[in-house]
Amino acid sequence: MMVRASGQEHPAIQNQYVRGVSENGNPKAVEVMYQVFEESDALWRGCKCGEVLKGKMTPEKCPLFGKACTPAKPVGPCMVSTEGSCAAYFKYKVD
């Protein structure tokens, strides 16, 4: 689907899994999310994770890296997983 879409004048993302995933998602899961979570205005807790993942900055440039955000106390998704870019950088960085 992606190869075909790339050759079109106006390519678009398409749902390959229409048998299992509808346009509206999973209504039961959405219902449970609203029972468990509360909407609020807040800063995304990932700080600069998006910039790190796009290669626009290295993890040590994040003001939280190695201070408020460590593998033992992750703030964003880049530090949560052992395969996360910040977690790997934290573990293997050689000064």
C-alpha atoms as a PDB file:
ATOM      1  CA  MET A   1       0.000   0.000   0.000  1.00  0.00           C
ATOM      2  CA  MET A   2       2.822   2.412   0.797  1.00  0.00           C
ATOM      3  CA  VAL A   3       4.632   1.719  -2.465  1.00  0.00           C
ATOM      4  CA  ARG A   4       1.440   2.246  -4.448  1.00  0.00           C
ATOM      5  CA  ALA A   5       0.645   5.437  -2.494  1.00  0.00           C
ATOM      6  CA  SER A   6       4.110   6.886  -3.065  1.00  0.00           C
ATOM      7  CA  GLY A   7       3.564   6.780  -6.830  1.00  0.00           C
ATOM      8  CA  GLN A   8       0.305   8.706  -6.606  1.00  0.00           C
ATOM      9  CA  GLU A   9       0.000  12.435  -7.065  1.00  0.00           C
ATOM     10  CA  HIS A  10      -1.489  12.807  -3.553  1.00  0.00           C
ATOM     11  CA  PRO A  11      -0.234   9.924  -1.397  1.00  0.00           C
ATOM     12  CA  ALA A  12      -2.029   9.282   1.891  1.00  0.00           C
ATOM     13  CA  ILE A  13      -1.739   7.007   4.881  1.00  0.00           C
ATOM     14  CA  GLN A  14      -4.203   4.130   4.762  1.00  0.00           C
ATOM     15  CA  ASN A  15      -5.388   1.596   7.321  1.00  0.00           C
ATOM     16  CA  GLN A  16      -4.060  -1.819   6.275  1.00  0.00           C
ATOM     17  CA  TYR A  17      -5.954  -3.544   9.100  1.00  0.00           C
ATOM     18  CA  VAL A  18      -9.560  -2.570   8.345  1.00  0.00           C
ATOM     19  CA  ARG A  19     -10.801  -6.005   9.481  1.00  0.00           C
ATOM     20  CA  GLY A  20      -9.519  -5.356  13.013  1.00  0.00           C
ATOM     21  CA  VAL A  21      -9.184  -1.580  13.331  1.00  0.00           C
ATOM     22  CA  SER A  22     -11.994   0.792  12.461  1.00  0.00           C
ATOM     23  CA  GLU A  23     -11.795   4.528  11.751  1.00  0.00           C
ATOM     24  CA  ASN A  24     -13.084   5.180  15.278  1.00  0.00           C
ATOM     25  CA  GLY A  25     -10.630   2.837  16.991  1.00  0.00           C
ATOM     26  CA  ASN A  26     -11.734   0.442  19.701  1.00  0.00           C
ATOM     27  CA  PRO A  27     -14.836   1.915  21.418  1.00  0.00           C
ATOM     28  CA  LYS A  28     -14.525  -0.409  24.442  1.00  0.00           C
ATOM     29  CA  ALA A  29     -10.877   0.598  24.970  1.00  0.00           C
ATOM     30  CA  VAL A  30     -11.786   4.280  24.655  1.00  0.00           C
ATOM     31  CA  GLU A  31     -14.552   3.810  27.234  1.00  0.00           C
ATOM     32  CA  VAL A  32     -12.121   2.175  29.667  1.00  0.00           C
ATOM     33  CA  MET A  33      -9.539   4.936  29.099  1.00  0.00           C
ATOM     34  CA  TYR A  34     -12.090   7.587  30.042  1.00  0.00           C
ATOM     35  CA  GLN A  35     -13.002   5.610  33.174  1.00  0.00           C
ATOM     36  CA  VAL A  36      -9.355   5.360  34.249  1.00  0.00           C
ATOM     37  CA  PHE A  37      -7.787   8.605  33.016  1.00  0.00           C
ATOM     38  CA  GLU A  38      -8.776  12.228  33.396  1.00  0.00           C
ATOM     39  CA  GLU A  39      -8.197  14.839  30.685  1.00  0.00           C
ATOM     40  CA  SER A  40      -6.184  17.878  31.708  1.00  0.00           C
ATOM     41  CA  ASP A  41      -4.038  20.623  30.255  1.00  0.00           C
ATOM     42  CA  ALA A  42      -0.405  19.783  30.915  1.00  0.00           C
ATOM     43  CA  LEU A  43       2.979  19.810  29.285  1.00  0.00           C
ATOM     44  CA  TRP A  44       3.882  16.540  27.621  1.00  0.00           C
ATOM     45  CA  ARG A  45       6.137  14.746  30.073  1.00  0.00           C
ATOM     46  CA  GLY A  46       8.551  13.611  27.392  1.00  0.00           C
ATOM     47  CA  CYS A  47      10.397  16.983  27.383  1.00  0.00           C
ATOM     48  CA  LYS A  48      12.682  16.837  24.305  1.00  0.00           C
ATOM     49  CA  CYS A  49      12.100  13.183  23.289  1.00  0.00           C
ATOM     50  CA  GLY A  50      10.711  14.146  19.891  1.00  0.00           C
ATOM     51  CA  GLU A  51      13.791  16.178  19.059  1.00  0.00           C
ATOM     52  CA  VAL A  52      16.087  13.321  20.137  1.00  0.00           C
ATOM     53  CA  LEU A  53      14.143  10.764  18.087  1.00  0.00           C
ATOM     54  CA  LYS A  54      14.282  12.995  14.992  1.00  0.00           C
ATOM     55  CA  GLY A  55      18.057  13.377  15.420  1.00  0.00           C
ATOM     56  CA  LYS A  56      17.766  17.133  15.942  1.00  0.00           C
ATOM     57  CA  MET A  57      19.536  16.964  19.298  1.00  0.00           C
ATOM     58  CA  THR A  58      21.547  14.503  21.350  1.00  0.00           C
ATOM     59  CA  PRO A  59      20.167  13.261  24.672  1.00  0.00           C
ATOM     60  CA  GLU A  60      22.677  15.195  26.784  1.00  0.00           C
ATOM     61  CA  LYS A  61      21.288  18.465  25.388  1.00  0.00           C
ATOM     62  CA  CYS A  62      17.981  17.778  27.141  1.00  0.00           C
ATOM     63  CA  PRO A  63      17.885  19.722  30.417  1.00  0.00           C
ATOM     64  CA  LEU A  64      16.454  16.682  32.240  1.00  0.00           C
ATOM     65  CA  PHE A  65      18.918  14.068  30.924  1.00  0.00           C
ATOM     66  CA  GLY A  66      20.917  12.425  33.709  1.00  0.00           C
ATOM     67  CA  LYS A  67      19.359  14.702  36.326  1.00  0.00           C
ATOM     68  CA  ALA A  68      15.578  14.452  36.680  1.00  0.00           C
ATOM     69  CA  CYS A  69      15.461  11.803  33.935  1.00  0.00           C
ATOM     70  CA  THR A  70      17.468   8.601  34.425  1.00  0.00           C
ATOM     71  CA  PRO A  71      16.776   4.931  33.631  1.00  0.00           C
ATOM     72  CA  ALA A  72      15.799   4.447  37.285  1.00  0.00           C
ATOM     73  CA  LYS A  73      13.408   7.438  37.149  1.00  0.00           C
ATOM     74  CA  PRO A  74      12.431   8.066  33.507  1.00  0.00           C
ATOM     75  CA  VAL A  75      10.526  11.183  32.538  1.00  0.00           C
ATOM     76  CA  GLY A  76       9.907  10.376  28.891  1.00  0.00           C
ATOM     77  CA  PRO A  77       9.605   7.397  26.550  1.00  0.00           C
ATOM     78  CA  CYS A  78      13.204   7.671  25.312  1.00  0.00           C
ATOM     79  CA  MET A  79      14.456   6.700  28.776  1.00  0.00           C
ATOM     80  CA  VAL A  80      11.765   4.162  29.729  1.00  0.00           C
ATOM     81  CA  SER A  81      12.839   1.236  27.573  1.00  0.00           C
ATOM     82  CA  THR A  82      16.334  -0.249  27.652  1.00  0.00           C
ATOM     83  CA  GLU A  83      16.279   0.176  23.863  1.00  0.00           C
ATOM     84  CA  GLY A  84      15.245   3.826  24.161  1.00  0.00           C
ATOM     85  CA  SER A  85      17.679   6.301  22.657  1.00  0.00           C
ATOM     86  CA  CYS A  86      18.289   8.179  25.911  1.00  0.00           C
ATOM     87  CA  ALA A  87      18.591   5.015  28.010  1.00  0.00           C
ATOM     88  CA  ALA A  88      21.162   3.587  25.586  1.00  0.00           C
ATOM     89  CA  TYR A  89      23.036   6.895  25.505  1.00  0.00           C
ATOM     90  CA  PHE A  90      22.999   7.016  29.326  1.00  0.00           C
ATOM     91  CA  LYS A  91      24.365   3.471  29.587  1.00  0.00           C
ATOM     92  CA  TYR A  92      26.955   3.472  26.794  1.00  0.00           C
ATOM     93  CA  LYS A  93      28.121   7.096  26.476  1.00  0.00           C
ATOM     94  CA  VAL A  94      31.885   7.337  26.756  1.00  0.00           C
ATOM     95  CA  ASP A  95      33.235  10.732  27.739  1.00  0.00           C
END
